[in-house]
Amino acid sequence: EIYTLSLHDALPIYVVITGGSGAIGLRYARYCVEHGARRVILLSRNGVRAEELTRLVGRHHVEVHAPTCDITDRAAMAAVAAEYAGSGATLLIHTAGVATASRRAELTGADVAAVCAAKVVGLATLTDVWPLHPECRILACSSVFGVWGGHGHAAYAASNRMLDVLAAQLRSTGLDCTAIRWGLWQDA
């Protein structure tokens, strides 16, 4: 199945992007704003600089918010959702993740849990807590590392494979969720 990111449907586009302060999250935000999104919520632990938000909005008629939020913290997510969720997201883009390199001998369970937290736990928490419009589409950014692996990237590869499995599980519950296994990004 080919996934098409179309922002020209009848619904007003209300987008939630995790990893919203990162290069990939901001690139998606820019695309959504330029293609008619009416509301964009950028979730990240670090927040987004005011200058970046101003550049993002530009001359577009869009509402952009960037509340700081650890998406692995259910209570924090619920608090942010209570303030910003409105009638529910029509598009959720999950770009959050951590890629750290560790030699196999140095890799601990805590390391794996830390790498999997935003990528896997974050999406699971988000889809449990954030109100979603019945027609909501979910795009999860996975990686070819989930298939190929990579020297020093065992935890990252595992987290991406688990994200792929979570996307399939979300589809089995009736959510329109697709995981895209990206290759290397030029600017990220």
C-alpha atoms as a PDB file:
ATOM      1  CA  GLU A   1       0.000   0.000   0.000  1.00  0.00           C
ATOM      2  CA  ILE A   2       1.304   3.462  -0.865  1.00  0.00           C
ATOM      3  CA  TYR A   3       0.754   6.109   1.805  1.00  0.00           C
ATOM      4  CA  THR A   4      -0.262   9.514   0.534  1.00  0.00           C
ATOM      5  CA  LEU A   5      -0.051  12.527   2.819  1.00  0.00           C
ATOM      6  CA  SER A   6      -2.932  14.578   1.480  1.00  0.00           C
ATOM      7  CA  LEU A   7      -4.035  17.735   3.200  1.00  0.00           C
ATOM      8  CA  HIS A   8      -6.800  18.519   0.740  1.00  0.00           C
ATOM      9  CA  ASP A   9      -9.545  16.350   2.219  1.00  0.00           C
ATOM     10  CA  ALA A  10     -12.823  17.851   3.408  1.00  0.00           C
ATOM     11  CA  LEU A  11     -11.729  17.895   7.067  1.00  0.00           C
ATOM     12  CA  PRO A  12      -9.944  20.933   8.481  1.00  0.00           C
ATOM     13  CA  ILE A  13      -6.459  19.629   9.174  1.00  0.00           C
ATOM     14  CA  TYR A  14      -5.464  19.569  12.827  1.00  0.00           C
ATOM     15  CA  VAL A  15      -1.958  18.117  13.093  1.00  0.00           C
ATOM     16  CA  VAL A  16      -0.054  16.850  16.121  1.00  0.00           C
ATOM     17  CA  ILE A  17       3.664  16.247  15.593  1.00  0.00           C
ATOM     18  CA  THR A  18       5.905  14.534  18.143  1.00  0.00           C
ATOM     19  CA  GLY A  19       9.583  15.347  18.065  1.00  0.00           C
ATOM     20  CA  GLY A  20       8.310  18.779  17.091  1.00  0.00           C
ATOM     21  CA  SER A  21      11.548  20.619  17.839  1.00  0.00           C
ATOM     22  CA  GLY A  22      13.708  18.296  15.745  1.00  0.00           C
ATOM     23  CA  ALA A  23      14.721  18.745  12.105  1.00  0.00           C
ATOM     24  CA  ILE A  24      12.324  16.068  10.858  1.00  0.00           C
ATOM     25  CA  GLY A  25       9.370  17.242  12.962  1.00  0.00           C
ATOM     26  CA  LEU A  26       9.877  20.846  11.838  1.00  0.00           C
ATOM     27  CA  ARG A  27      10.156  19.768   8.218  1.00  0.00           C
ATOM     28  CA  TYR A  28       6.790  17.989   8.479  1.00  0.00           C
ATOM     29  CA  ALA A  29       5.301  21.006  10.253  1.00  0.00           C
ATOM     30  CA  ARG A  30       6.444  23.306   7.450  1.00  0.00           C
ATOM     31  CA  TYR A  31       4.900  20.984   4.851  1.00  0.00           C
ATOM     32  CA  CYS A  32       1.592  20.832   6.723  1.00  0.00           C
ATOM     33  CA  VAL A  33       1.429  24.608   7.201  1.00  0.00           C
ATOM     34  CA  GLU A  34       2.220  25.226   3.529  1.00  0.00           C
ATOM     35  CA  HIS A  35      -0.466  22.743   2.456  1.00  0.00           C
ATOM     36  CA  GLY A  36      -3.416  24.064   4.434  1.00  0.00           C
ATOM     37  CA  ALA A  37      -3.181  22.813   8.017  1.00  0.00           C
ATOM     38  CA  ARG A  38      -5.352  24.964  10.261  1.00  0.00           C
ATOM     39  CA  ARG A  39      -3.813  23.938  13.583  1.00  0.00           C
ATOM     40  CA  VAL A  40      -0.423  22.394  14.359  1.00  0.00           C
ATOM     41  CA  ILE A  41       0.713  21.200  17.778  1.00  0.00           C
ATOM     42  CA  LEU A  42       4.456  20.508  18.074  1.00  0.00           C
ATOM     43  CA  LEU A  43       5.212  18.257  21.038  1.00  0.00           C
ATOM     44  CA  SER A  44       8.764  17.964  22.359  1.00  0.00           C
ATOM     45  CA  ARG A  45      10.656  17.928  25.623  1.00  0.00           C
ATOM     46  CA  ASN A  46      12.640  21.013  24.610  1.00  0.00           C
ATOM     47  CA  GLY A  47       9.983  23.266  23.090  1.00  0.00           C
ATOM     48  CA  VAL A  48      10.441  25.290  19.916  1.00  0.00           C
ATOM     49  CA  ARG A  49      12.114  28.708  19.766  1.00  0.00           C
ATOM     50  CA  ALA A  50       9.759  31.652  19.205  1.00  0.00           C
ATOM     51  CA  GLU A  51      11.666  32.681  16.064  1.00  0.00           C
ATOM     52  CA  GLU A  52      11.129  29.218  14.570  1.00  0.00           C
ATOM     53  CA  LEU A  53       7.404  29.380  15.326  1.00  0.00           C
ATOM     54  CA  THR A  54       7.175  32.820  13.696  1.00  0.00           C
ATOM     55  CA  ARG A  55       8.977  31.524  10.588  1.00  0.00           C
ATOM     56  CA  LEU A  56       6.696  28.482  10.523  1.00  0.00           C
ATOM     57  CA  VAL A  57       3.494  30.527  10.606  1.00  0.00           C
ATOM     58  CA  GLY A  58       4.758  33.079   8.090  1.00  0.00           C
ATOM     59  CA  ARG A  59       1.804  34.529   6.154  1.00  0.00           C
ATOM     60  CA  HIS A  60      -0.341  31.424   6.568  1.00  0.00           C
ATOM     61  CA  HIS A  61      -3.630  31.371   8.446  1.00  0.00           C
ATOM     62  CA  VAL A  62      -2.620  28.688  10.908  1.00  0.00           C
ATOM     63  CA  GLU A  63      -2.557  28.280  14.653  1.00  0.00           C
ATOM     64  CA  VAL A  64       0.739  26.759  15.879  1.00  0.00           C
ATOM     65  CA  HIS A  65       1.465  25.767  19.467  1.00  0.00           C
ATOM     66  CA  ALA A  66       4.604  24.163  20.880  1.00  0.00           C
ATOM     67  CA  PRO A  67       4.004  23.086  24.466  1.00  0.00           C
ATOM     68  CA  THR A  68       6.893  21.282  26.135  1.00  0.00           C
ATOM     69  CA  CYS A  69       5.848  17.738  26.883  1.00  0.00           C
ATOM     70  CA  ASP A  70       7.588  14.448  27.560  1.00  0.00           C
ATOM     71  CA  ILE A  71       5.387  12.146  25.496  1.00  0.00           C
ATOM     72  CA  THR A  72       6.403   9.155  27.620  1.00  0.00           C
ATOM     73  CA  ASP A  73       4.853  10.782  30.715  1.00  0.00           C
ATOM     74  CA  ARG A  74       1.149   9.889  30.683  1.00  0.00           C
ATOM     75  CA  ALA A  75       0.165  12.605  33.183  1.00  0.00           C
ATOM     76  CA  ALA A  76       2.074  15.301  31.283  1.00  0.00           C
ATOM     77  CA  MET A  77       0.526  14.132  28.013  1.00  0.00           C
ATOM     78  CA  ALA A  78      -2.955  14.202  29.523  1.00  0.00           C
ATOM     79  CA  ALA A  79      -2.409  17.753  30.812  1.00  0.00           C
ATOM     80  CA  VAL A  80      -1.228  19.013  27.418  1.00  0.00           C
ATOM     81  CA  ALA A  81      -4.056  17.179  25.646  1.00  0.00           C
ATOM     82  CA  ALA A  82      -6.610  18.755  27.994  1.00  0.00           C
ATOM     83  CA  GLU A  83      -5.319  22.192  26.985  1.00  0.00           C
ATOM     84  CA  TYR A  84      -4.719  21.699  23.246  1.00  0.00           C
ATOM     85  CA  ALA A  85      -6.643  18.660  21.966  1.00  0.00           C
ATOM     86  CA  GLY A  86      -9.880  20.383  21.015  1.00  0.00           C
ATOM     87  CA  SER A  87     -12.108  18.145  18.899  1.00  0.00           C
ATOM     88  CA  GLY A  88      -9.294  15.708  18.108  1.00  0.00           C
ATOM     89  CA  ALA A  89      -6.359  15.456  15.733  1.00  0.00           C
ATOM     90  CA  THR A  90      -7.010  14.615  12.088  1.00  0.00           C
ATOM     91  CA  LEU A  91      -3.320  13.878  11.425  1.00  0.00           C
ATOM     92  CA  LEU A  92      -0.738  12.625  13.898  1.00  0.00           C
ATOM     93  CA  ILE A  93       2.907  12.524  12.786  1.00  0.00           C
ATOM     94  CA  HIS A  94       5.264  10.692  15.124  1.00  0.00           C
ATOM     95  CA  THR A  95       8.907  11.680  14.593  1.00  0.00           C
ATOM     96  CA  ALA A  96      10.141  11.443  18.190  1.00  0.00           C
ATOM     97  CA  GLY A  97      13.088   9.204  18.866  1.00  0.00           C
ATOM     98  CA  VAL A  98      16.617   8.927  20.146  1.00  0.00           C
ATOM     99  CA  ALA A  99      19.498   7.367  18.247  1.00  0.00           C
ATOM    100  CA  THR A 100      22.524   6.587  20.379  1.00  0.00           C
ATOM    101  CA  ALA A 101      25.428   4.364  19.451  1.00  0.00           C
ATOM    102  CA  SER A 102      26.729   1.785  21.919  1.00  0.00           C
ATOM    103  CA  ARG A 103      29.019  -1.152  21.528  1.00  0.00           C
ATOM    104  CA  ARG A 104      27.280  -4.437  22.294  1.00  0.00           C
ATOM    105  CA  ALA A 105      29.396  -5.079  25.387  1.00  0.00           C
ATOM    106  CA  GLU A 106      28.369  -1.703  26.821  1.00  0.00           C
ATOM    107  CA  LEU A 107      24.634  -1.871  25.984  1.00  0.00           C
ATOM    108  CA  THR A 108      22.381  -2.234  29.031  1.00  0.00           C
ATOM    109  CA  GLY A 109      18.671  -2.817  29.464  1.00  0.00           C
ATOM    110  CA  ALA A 110      18.374   0.763  30.676  1.00  0.00           C
ATOM    111  CA  ASP A 111      19.996   1.964  27.435  1.00  0.00           C
ATOM    112  CA  VAL A 112      17.494  -0.007  25.352  1.00  0.00           C
ATOM    113  CA  ALA A 113      14.581   1.298  27.448  1.00  0.00           C
ATOM    114  CA  ALA A 114      15.783   4.902  27.021  1.00  0.00           C
ATOM    115  CA  VAL A 115      16.036   4.542  23.232  1.00  0.00           C
ATOM    116  CA  CYS A 116      12.627   2.830  23.013  1.00  0.00           C
ATOM    117  CA  ALA A 117      10.860   5.321  25.284  1.00  0.00           C
ATOM    118  CA  ALA A 118      10.005   8.150  22.866  1.00  0.00           C
ATOM    119  CA  LYS A 119       9.799   5.981  19.754  1.00  0.00           C
ATOM    120  CA  VAL A 120       7.531   3.225  21.118  1.00  0.00           C
ATOM    121  CA  VAL A 121       6.143   4.220  24.524  1.00  0.00           C
ATOM    122  CA  GLY A 122       5.579   7.761  23.263  1.00  0.00           C
ATOM    123  CA  LEU A 123       3.368   6.696  20.357  1.00  0.00           C
ATOM    124  CA  ALA A 124       1.455   4.227  22.517  1.00  0.00           C
ATOM    125  CA  THR A 125       0.846   6.916  25.155  1.00  0.00           C
ATOM    126  CA  LEU A 126      -0.117   9.507  22.563  1.00  0.00           C
ATOM    127  CA  THR A 127      -2.696   7.292  20.869  1.00  0.00           C
ATOM    128  CA  ASP A 128      -4.133   6.314  24.267  1.00  0.00           C
ATOM    129  CA  VAL A 129      -4.358   9.843  25.680  1.00  0.00           C
ATOM    130  CA  TRP A 130      -4.713  12.350  22.820  1.00  0.00           C
ATOM    131  CA  PRO A 131      -8.230  12.639  21.367  1.00  0.00           C
ATOM    132  CA  LEU A 132      -8.225  11.572  17.723  1.00  0.00           C
ATOM    133  CA  HIS A 133     -10.854  12.444  15.139  1.00  0.00           C
ATOM    134  CA  PRO A 134     -12.538   9.262  13.831  1.00  0.00           C
ATOM    135  CA  GLU A 135     -10.904   9.907  10.424  1.00  0.00           C
ATOM    136  CA  CYS A 136      -7.445  10.548  11.928  1.00  0.00           C
ATOM    137  CA  ARG A 137      -4.422   9.281  10.050  1.00  0.00           C
ATOM    138  CA  ILE A 138      -1.253   8.384  11.914  1.00  0.00           C
ATOM    139  CA  LEU A 139       2.174   8.476  10.274  1.00  0.00           C
ATOM    140  CA  ALA A 140       4.987   6.935  12.338  1.00  0.00           C
ATOM    141  CA  CYS A 141       8.555   7.620  11.237  1.00  0.00           C
ATOM    142  CA  SER A 142      10.466   4.384  11.466  1.00  0.00           C
ATOM    143  CA  SER A 143      13.859   3.574   9.973  1.00  0.00           C
ATOM    144  CA  VAL A 144      15.501   1.040   7.716  1.00  0.00           C
ATOM    145  CA  PHE A 145      17.593   0.225  10.788  1.00  0.00           C
ATOM    146  CA  GLY A 146      14.531  -1.732  11.985  1.00  0.00           C
ATOM    147  CA  VAL A 147      15.131  -4.118   9.083  1.00  0.00           C
ATOM    148  CA  TRP A 148      18.879  -3.882   8.437  1.00  0.00           C
ATOM    149  CA  GLY A 149      20.200  -3.180  11.900  1.00  0.00           C
ATOM    150  CA  GLY A 150      23.445  -1.281  12.140  1.00  0.00           C
ATOM    151  CA  HIS A 151      26.786  -1.565  13.879  1.00  0.00           C
ATOM    152  CA  GLY A 152      26.498   0.088  17.277  1.00  0.00           C
ATOM    153  CA  HIS A 153      22.784   0.754  16.787  1.00  0.00           C
ATOM    154  CA  ALA A 154      21.149  -2.376  18.223  1.00  0.00           C
ATOM    155  CA  ALA A 155      18.818  -0.432  20.529  1.00  0.00           C
ATOM    156  CA  TYR A 156      17.833   2.002  17.785  1.00  0.00           C
ATOM    157  CA  ALA A 157      17.194  -0.845  15.351  1.00  0.00           C
ATOM    158  CA  ALA A 158      15.082  -2.647  17.955  1.00  0.00           C
ATOM    159  CA  SER A 159      13.071   0.486  18.746  1.00  0.00           C
ATOM    160  CA  ASN A 160      12.240   0.994  15.074  1.00  0.00           C
ATOM    161  CA  ARG A 161      11.218  -2.625  14.632  1.00  0.00           C
ATOM    162  CA  MET A 162       8.981  -2.324  17.713  1.00  0.00           C
ATOM    163  CA  LEU A 163       7.499   0.853  16.235  1.00  0.00           C
ATOM    164  CA  ASP A 164       6.649  -1.069  13.049  1.00  0.00           C
ATOM    165  CA  VAL A 165       4.914  -3.731  15.150  1.00  0.00           C
ATOM    166  CA  LEU A 166       3.050  -1.075  17.176  1.00  0.00           C
ATOM    167  CA  ALA A 167       1.799   0.503  13.939  1.00  0.00           C
ATOM    168  CA  ALA A 168       0.405  -2.886  12.884  1.00  0.00           C
ATOM    169  CA  GLN A 169      -1.230  -3.315  16.294  1.00  0.00           C
ATOM    170  CA  LEU A 170      -2.824   0.135  16.051  1.00  0.00           C
ATOM    171  CA  ARG A 171      -4.151  -0.763  12.584  1.00  0.00           C
ATOM    172  CA  SER A 172      -5.668  -3.939  14.028  1.00  0.00           C
ATOM    173  CA  THR A 173      -7.663  -1.743  16.448  1.00  0.00           C
ATOM    174  CA  GLY A 174      -9.094   0.245  13.535  1.00  0.00           C
ATOM    175  CA  LEU A 175      -6.713   3.215  13.530  1.00  0.00           C
ATOM    176  CA  ASP A 176      -5.312   4.354  10.180  1.00  0.00           C
ATOM    177  CA  CYS A 177      -1.628   4.023  11.113  1.00  0.00           C
ATOM    178  CA  THR A 178       1.334   3.650   8.782  1.00  0.00           C
ATOM    179  CA  ALA A 179       5.004   3.315   9.699  1.00  0.00           C
ATOM    180  CA  ILE A 180       7.405   4.551   7.051  1.00  0.00           C
ATOM    181  CA  ARG A 181      10.926   3.131   7.174  1.00  0.00           C
ATOM    182  CA  TRP A 182      13.015   6.126   6.171  1.00  0.00           C
ATOM    183  CA  GLY A 183      16.592   5.878   5.012  1.00  0.00           C
ATOM    184  CA  LEU A 184      19.157   8.521   5.916  1.00  0.00           C
ATOM    185  CA  TRP A 185      18.021  12.162   6.051  1.00  0.00           C
ATOM    186  CA  GLN A 186      20.253  14.789   4.491  1.00  0.00           C
ATOM    187  CA  ASP A 187      19.606  17.562   7.022  1.00  0.00           C
ATOM    188  CA  ALA A 188      18.994  15.613  10.211  1.00  0.00           C
END
